[in-house]
Amino acid sequence: MRSTIALVALLTLAAAGCTRAHAKVSPDNPPLDVPLPPEHDVEPTETDTPAPVPLPQEPARTAPPRRNAPSPREQPRTDPQRPPQPAQPEAAPAPSAELPKPEEAPRAAAPLQTMPTTAEGEAERTIRATLARANTDLNRVDYRALNSDARNQYDTAKRIIRQADEAIRAKNLVFAKTLADKAASLAVQLAGR
């Protein structure tokens, strides 16, 4: 019997708990109405395109001075039996929009000058001196006595020296200086072993 009383008490408590879990709705408080979103007034943006900006003017170029008379080297040879021909004024060639003929090779672009021409000679001498020091240091090293890592560094230094020589011939002196400095530092490290 005790178990029945306990069961009835438990059911009564459970029923009382369920009745309180529900929200009470009274006729005086109707549910809230959700308002509609406001209308969107989209104003058109002005799409005026800005006025085109003119390109900057190219600086005026000065033409090289024209020589009046050809030098004795450039004088045409004349035949003593022929009377000299009067010089005809040169006519300016008319610009043409023709494509170059296939047998004419296009001219290669001039290399980009990265340093003033007055400093080129001095820079080239400095680079060649650095390369000579690197070669001297490498010549003092006994290649057979080097381990594999040191041999790799030796070969790399020799390759960098060749690349620096090629860069000097191509007048890329900035790159040649960088290569020469790298080769010299590797050579000094190898010579110090």
C-alpha atoms as a PDB file:
ATOM      1  CA  MET A   1       0.000   0.000   0.000  1.00  0.00           C
ATOM      2  CA  ARG A   2       2.777   2.331   0.688  1.00  0.00           C
ATOM      3  CA  SER A   3       3.965   1.987  -2.844  1.00  0.00           C
ATOM      4  CA  THR A   4       0.504   2.928  -4.148  1.00  0.00           C
ATOM      5  CA  ILE A   5       0.385   6.044  -1.994  1.00  0.00           C
ATOM      6  CA  ALA A   6       3.855   6.991  -3.173  1.00  0.00           C
ATOM      7  CA  LEU A   7       2.807   6.419  -6.766  1.00  0.00           C
ATOM      8  CA  VAL A   8      -0.319   8.580  -6.421  1.00  0.00           C
ATOM      9  CA  ALA A   9       1.687  11.342  -4.745  1.00  0.00           C
ATOM     10  CA  LEU A  10       4.222  11.229  -7.517  1.00  0.00           C
ATOM     11  CA  LEU A  11       1.551  11.431 -10.227  1.00  0.00           C
ATOM     12  CA  THR A  12      -0.109  14.350  -8.426  1.00  0.00           C
ATOM     13  CA  LEU A  13       3.169  16.242  -8.320  1.00  0.00           C
ATOM     14  CA  ALA A  14       3.856  15.517 -11.959  1.00  0.00           C
ATOM     15  CA  ALA A  15       0.395  16.705 -12.998  1.00  0.00           C
ATOM     16  CA  ALA A  16       0.772  19.880 -10.967  1.00  0.00           C
ATOM     17  CA  GLY A  17       4.136  20.573 -12.610  1.00  0.00           C
ATOM     18  CA  CYS A  18       2.726  20.164 -16.111  1.00  0.00           C
ATOM     19  CA  THR A  19      -0.088  22.590 -15.525  1.00  0.00           C
ATOM     20  CA  ARG A  20       2.286  25.371 -14.575  1.00  0.00           C
ATOM     21  CA  ALA A  21       4.653  24.875 -17.536  1.00  0.00           C
ATOM     22  CA  HIS A  22       2.190  26.261 -20.069  1.00  0.00           C
ATOM     23  CA  ALA A  23       1.945  29.972 -20.787  1.00  0.00           C
ATOM     24  CA  LYS A  24      -1.259  31.570 -19.730  1.00  0.00           C
ATOM     25  CA  VAL A  25      -3.097  33.363 -22.498  1.00  0.00           C
ATOM     26  CA  SER A  26      -5.691  35.804 -21.453  1.00  0.00           C
ATOM     27  CA  PRO A  27      -8.198  37.453 -23.819  1.00  0.00           C
ATOM     28  CA  ASP A  28      -7.064  40.864 -22.533  1.00  0.00           C
ATOM     29  CA  ASN A  29      -3.502  40.412 -23.915  1.00  0.00           C
ATOM     30  CA  PRO A  30      -3.622  39.339 -27.602  1.00  0.00           C
ATOM     31  CA  PRO A  31      -0.325  38.205 -29.196  1.00  0.00           C
ATOM     32  CA  LEU A  32       1.922  40.933 -30.599  1.00  0.00           C
ATOM     33  CA  ASP A  33       1.696  41.803 -34.264  1.00  0.00           C
ATOM     34  CA  VAL A  34       5.007  42.051 -36.109  1.00  0.00           C
ATOM     35  CA  PRO A  35       5.199  45.304 -38.079  1.00  0.00           C
ATOM     36  CA  LEU A  36       6.007  45.225 -41.786  1.00  0.00           C
ATOM     37  CA  PRO A  37       9.478  46.433 -42.811  1.00  0.00           C
ATOM     38  CA  PRO A  38       9.667  50.042 -43.979  1.00  0.00           C
ATOM     39  CA  GLU A  39       9.728  50.791 -47.681  1.00  0.00           C
ATOM     40  CA  HIS A  40      13.172  51.264 -49.143  1.00  0.00           C
ATOM     41  CA  ASP A  41      13.714  54.511 -50.938  1.00  0.00           C
ATOM     42  CA  VAL A  42      16.771  54.071 -53.085  1.00  0.00           C
ATOM     43  CA  GLU A  43      18.093  57.263 -54.556  1.00  0.00           C
ATOM     44  CA  PRO A  44      19.913  56.881 -57.853  1.00  0.00           C
ATOM     45  CA  THR A  45      23.586  57.734 -57.630  1.00  0.00           C
ATOM     46  CA  GLU A  46      25.049  60.161 -60.087  1.00  0.00           C
ATOM     47  CA  THR A  47      27.165  58.306 -62.575  1.00  0.00           C
ATOM     48  CA  ASP A  48      28.953  61.221 -64.161  1.00  0.00           C
ATOM     49  CA  THR A  49      32.161  59.989 -65.643  1.00  0.00           C
ATOM     50  CA  PRO A  50      35.138  62.164 -64.794  1.00  0.00           C
ATOM     51  CA  ALA A  51      36.676  64.188 -67.574  1.00  0.00           C
ATOM     52  CA  PRO A  52      39.639  62.437 -69.203  1.00  0.00           C
ATOM     53  CA  VAL A  53      42.992  63.565 -67.909  1.00  0.00           C
ATOM     54  CA  PRO A  54      45.481  64.427 -70.649  1.00  0.00           C
ATOM     55  CA  LEU A  55      48.727  62.474 -70.709  1.00  0.00           C
ATOM     56  CA  PRO A  56      51.865  64.298 -69.621  1.00  0.00           C
ATOM     57  CA  GLN A  57      53.815  65.839 -72.463  1.00  0.00           C
ATOM     58  CA  GLU A  58      56.975  64.096 -73.552  1.00  0.00           C
ATOM     59  CA  PRO A  59      60.062  66.254 -73.038  1.00  0.00           C
ATOM     60  CA  ALA A  60      61.424  67.857 -76.160  1.00  0.00           C
ATOM     61  CA  ARG A  61      64.303  66.028 -77.732  1.00  0.00           C
ATOM     62  CA  THR A  62      67.202  67.802 -79.271  1.00  0.00           C
ATOM     63  CA  ALA A  63      68.555  66.494 -82.515  1.00  0.00           C
ATOM     64  CA  PRO A  64      72.284  65.840 -82.702  1.00  0.00           C
ATOM     65  CA  PRO A  65      74.201  68.575 -84.526  1.00  0.00           C
ATOM     66  CA  ARG A  66      74.525  68.007 -88.219  1.00  0.00           C
ATOM     67  CA  ARG A  67      77.924  67.979 -89.794  1.00  0.00           C
ATOM     68  CA  ASN A  68      78.292  70.213 -92.784  1.00  0.00           C
ATOM     69  CA  ALA A  69      81.111  68.504 -94.631  1.00  0.00           C
ATOM     70  CA  PRO A  70      82.120  64.878 -94.466  1.00  0.00           C
ATOM     71  CA  SER A  71      85.518  64.089 -93.019  1.00  0.00           C
ATOM     72  CA  PRO A  72      88.336  63.153 -95.421  1.00  0.00           C
ATOM     73  CA  ARG A  73      87.786  59.520 -94.533  1.00  0.00           C
ATOM     74  CA  GLU A  74      84.156  59.712 -95.554  1.00  0.00           C
ATOM     75  CA  GLN A  75      84.733  61.639 -98.804  1.00  0.00           C
ATOM     76  CA  PRO A  76      83.689  59.602-101.800  1.00  0.00           C
ATOM     77  CA  ARG A  77      86.471  58.672-104.148  1.00  0.00           C
ATOM     78  CA  THR A  78      86.224  60.366-107.472  1.00  0.00           C
ATOM     79  CA  ASP A  79      87.389  59.068-110.761  1.00  0.00           C
ATOM     80  CA  PRO A  80      89.728  61.586-112.448  1.00  0.00           C
ATOM     81  CA  GLN A  81      88.139  60.943-115.871  1.00  0.00           C
ATOM     82  CA  ARG A  82      84.609  61.684-114.617  1.00  0.00           C
ATOM     83  CA  PRO A  83      83.468  65.168-113.842  1.00  0.00           C
ATOM     84  CA  PRO A  84      82.249  65.575-110.249  1.00  0.00           C
ATOM     85  CA  GLN A  85      78.508  65.283-109.800  1.00  0.00           C
ATOM     86  CA  PRO A  86      76.762  68.178-108.065  1.00  0.00           C
ATOM     87  CA  ALA A  87      75.555  67.253-104.604  1.00  0.00           C
ATOM     88  CA  GLN A  88      71.848  66.691-104.407  1.00  0.00           C
ATOM     89  CA  PRO A  89      69.978  67.765-101.297  1.00  0.00           C
ATOM     90  CA  GLU A  90      68.796  64.901 -99.143  1.00  0.00           C
ATOM     91  CA  ALA A  91      65.082  64.377 -99.108  1.00  0.00           C
ATOM     92  CA  ALA A  92      63.541  63.356 -95.842  1.00  0.00           C
ATOM     93  CA  PRO A  93      62.224  59.808 -96.134  1.00  0.00           C
ATOM     94  CA  ALA A  94      58.471  59.601 -96.011  1.00  0.00           C
ATOM     95  CA  PRO A  95      57.233  57.616 -92.999  1.00  0.00           C
ATOM     96  CA  SER A  96      55.677  54.379 -94.120  1.00  0.00           C
ATOM     97  CA  ALA A  97      53.424  52.029 -92.283  1.00  0.00           C
ATOM     98  CA  GLU A  98      54.888  48.981 -94.008  1.00  0.00           C
ATOM     99  CA  LEU A  99      55.964  46.005 -91.995  1.00  0.00           C
ATOM    100  CA  PRO A 100      59.679  45.221 -92.035  1.00  0.00           C
ATOM    101  CA  LYS A 101      60.734  42.832 -94.749  1.00  0.00           C
ATOM    102  CA  PRO A 102      61.415  39.291 -93.592  1.00  0.00           C
ATOM    103  CA  GLU A 103      65.110  39.459 -94.542  1.00  0.00           C
ATOM    104  CA  GLU A 104      65.572  42.537 -92.348  1.00  0.00           C
ATOM    105  CA  ALA A 105      66.341  41.558 -88.792  1.00  0.00           C
ATOM    106  CA  PRO A 106      64.751  43.788 -86.142  1.00  0.00           C
ATOM    107  CA  ARG A 107      67.246  45.832 -84.194  1.00  0.00           C
ATOM    108  CA  ALA A 108      67.919  44.636 -80.684  1.00  0.00           C
ATOM    109  CA  ALA A 109      66.930  46.980 -77.903  1.00  0.00           C
ATOM    110  CA  ALA A 110      69.779  48.828 -76.276  1.00  0.00           C
ATOM    111  CA  PRO A 111      70.636  47.555 -72.791  1.00  0.00           C
ATOM    112  CA  LEU A 112      69.144  49.466 -69.915  1.00  0.00           C
ATOM    113  CA  GLN A 113      71.676  51.883 -68.350  1.00  0.00           C
ATOM    114  CA  THR A 114      71.655  51.406 -64.606  1.00  0.00           C
ATOM    115  CA  MET A 115      74.633  53.601 -63.809  1.00  0.00           C
ATOM    116  CA  PRO A 116      76.157  56.718 -65.345  1.00  0.00           C
ATOM    117  CA  THR A 117      78.542  56.071 -68.217  1.00  0.00           C
ATOM    118  CA  THR A 118      81.306  57.971 -66.419  1.00  0.00           C
ATOM    119  CA  ALA A 119      81.182  55.464 -63.555  1.00  0.00           C
ATOM    120  CA  GLU A 120      81.019  52.365 -65.771  1.00  0.00           C
ATOM    121  CA  GLY A 121      84.768  52.084 -66.301  1.00  0.00           C
ATOM    122  CA  GLU A 122      85.585  52.430 -62.614  1.00  0.00           C
ATOM    123  CA  ALA A 123      82.831  49.968 -61.636  1.00  0.00           C
ATOM    124  CA  GLU A 124      84.061  47.425 -64.171  1.00  0.00           C
ATOM    125  CA  ARG A 125      87.653  47.709 -62.861  1.00  0.00           C
ATOM    126  CA  THR A 126      86.432  47.225 -59.285  1.00  0.00           C
ATOM    127  CA  ILE A 127      84.374  44.176 -60.252  1.00  0.00           C
ATOM    128  CA  ARG A 128      87.259  42.621 -62.194  1.00  0.00           C
ATOM    129  CA  ALA A 129      89.584  43.177 -59.195  1.00  0.00           C
ATOM    130  CA  THR A 130      87.082  41.443 -56.901  1.00  0.00           C
ATOM    131  CA  LEU A 131      86.828  38.530 -59.338  1.00  0.00           C
ATOM    132  CA  ALA A 132      90.641  38.304 -59.553  1.00  0.00           C
ATOM    133  CA  ARG A 133      90.875  38.127 -55.721  1.00  0.00           C
ATOM    134  CA  ALA A 134      88.217  35.404 -55.690  1.00  0.00           C
ATOM    135  CA  ASN A 135      90.088  33.408 -58.349  1.00  0.00           C
ATOM    136  CA  THR A 136      93.356  33.805 -56.418  1.00  0.00           C
ATOM    137  CA  ASP A 137      91.704  32.571 -53.217  1.00  0.00           C
ATOM    138  CA  LEU A 138      90.160  29.603 -55.033  1.00  0.00           C
ATOM    139  CA  ASN A 139      93.497  28.711 -56.655  1.00  0.00           C
ATOM    140  CA  ARG A 140      95.051  28.408 -53.176  1.00  0.00           C
ATOM    141  CA  VAL A 141      92.471  25.774 -52.209  1.00  0.00           C
ATOM    142  CA  ASP A 142      93.312  22.075 -52.734  1.00  0.00           C
ATOM    143  CA  TYR A 143      90.138  20.740 -54.322  1.00  0.00           C
ATOM    144  CA  ARG A 144      91.023  17.093 -53.606  1.00  0.00           C
ATOM    145  CA  ALA A 145      91.252  17.728 -49.856  1.00  0.00           C
ATOM    146  CA  LEU A 146      87.740  19.217 -49.627  1.00  0.00           C
ATOM    147  CA  ASN A 147      84.707  17.332 -48.361  1.00  0.00           C
ATOM    148  CA  SER A 148      81.553  17.153 -50.502  1.00  0.00           C
ATOM    149  CA  ASP A 149      79.964  20.348 -49.069  1.00  0.00           C
ATOM    150  CA  ALA A 150      83.161  22.337 -49.565  1.00  0.00           C
ATOM    151  CA  ARG A 151      83.517  20.982 -53.116  1.00  0.00           C
ATOM    152  CA  ASN A 152      79.968  22.105 -53.805  1.00  0.00           C
ATOM    153  CA  GLN A 153      80.832  25.606 -52.533  1.00  0.00           C
ATOM    154  CA  TYR A 154      83.998  25.636 -54.653  1.00  0.00           C
ATOM    155  CA  ASP A 155      82.043  24.679 -57.796  1.00  0.00           C
ATOM    156  CA  THR A 156      79.393  27.276 -56.980  1.00  0.00           C
ATOM    157  CA  ALA A 157      82.029  30.002 -56.587  1.00  0.00           C
ATOM    158  CA  LYS A 158      83.569  29.094 -59.967  1.00  0.00           C
ATOM    159  CA  ARG A 159      80.119  29.159 -61.615  1.00  0.00           C
ATOM    160  CA  ILE A 160      79.332  32.549 -60.054  1.00  0.00           C
ATOM    161  CA  ILE A 161      82.627  33.936 -61.373  1.00  0.00           C
ATOM    162  CA  ARG A 162      81.709  32.793 -64.913  1.00  0.00           C
ATOM    163  CA  GLN A 163      78.248  34.394 -64.563  1.00  0.00           C
ATOM    164  CA  ALA A 164      79.834  37.648 -63.363  1.00  0.00           C
ATOM    165  CA  ASP A 165      82.121  37.681 -66.434  1.00  0.00           C
ATOM    166  CA  GLU A 166      79.079  37.202 -68.686  1.00  0.00           C
ATOM    167  CA  ALA A 167      77.239  40.010 -66.880  1.00  0.00           C
ATOM    168  CA  ILE A 168      80.217  42.336 -67.396  1.00  0.00           C
ATOM    169  CA  ARG A 169      80.237  41.534 -71.123  1.00  0.00           C
ATOM    170  CA  ALA A 170      76.493  42.291 -71.208  1.00  0.00           C
ATOM    171  CA  LYS A 171      77.188  45.603 -69.388  1.00  0.00           C
ATOM    172  CA  ASN A 172      74.944  44.572 -66.491  1.00  0.00           C
ATOM    173  CA  LEU A 173      77.408  45.897 -63.952  1.00  0.00           C
ATOM    174  CA  VAL A 174      75.058  45.984 -60.973  1.00  0.00           C
ATOM    175  CA  PHE A 175      74.355  42.264 -61.308  1.00  0.00           C
ATOM    176  CA  ALA A 176      78.031  41.550 -62.007  1.00  0.00           C
ATOM    177  CA  LYS A 177      79.037  43.357 -58.786  1.00  0.00           C
ATOM    178  CA  THR A 178      76.563  41.321 -56.747  1.00  0.00           C
ATOM    179  CA  LEU A 179      77.873  38.086 -58.253  1.00  0.00           C
ATOM    180  CA  ALA A 180      81.514  39.107 -57.759  1.00  0.00           C
ATOM    181  CA  ASP A 181      80.888  39.892 -54.082  1.00  0.00           C
ATOM    182  CA  LYS A 182      79.228  36.487 -53.557  1.00  0.00           C
ATOM    183  CA  ALA A 183      82.068  34.663 -55.292  1.00  0.00           C
ATOM    184  CA  ALA A 184      84.669  36.557 -53.225  1.00  0.00           C
ATOM    185  CA  SER A 185      82.956  35.715 -49.928  1.00  0.00           C
ATOM    186  CA  LEU A 186      82.726  32.014 -50.856  1.00  0.00           C
ATOM    187  CA  ALA A 187      86.378  31.992 -51.923  1.00  0.00           C
ATOM    188  CA  VAL A 188      87.507  33.629 -48.660  1.00  0.00           C
ATOM    189  CA  GLN A 189      85.586  31.043 -46.650  1.00  0.00           C
ATOM    190  CA  LEU A 190      87.107  28.165 -48.624  1.00  0.00           C
ATOM    191  CA  ALA A 191      90.637  29.599 -48.427  1.00  0.00           C
ATOM    192  CA  GLY A 192      90.352  29.928 -44.648  1.00  0.00           C
ATOM    193  CA  ARG A 193      89.785  26.166 -44.163  1.00  0.00           C
END
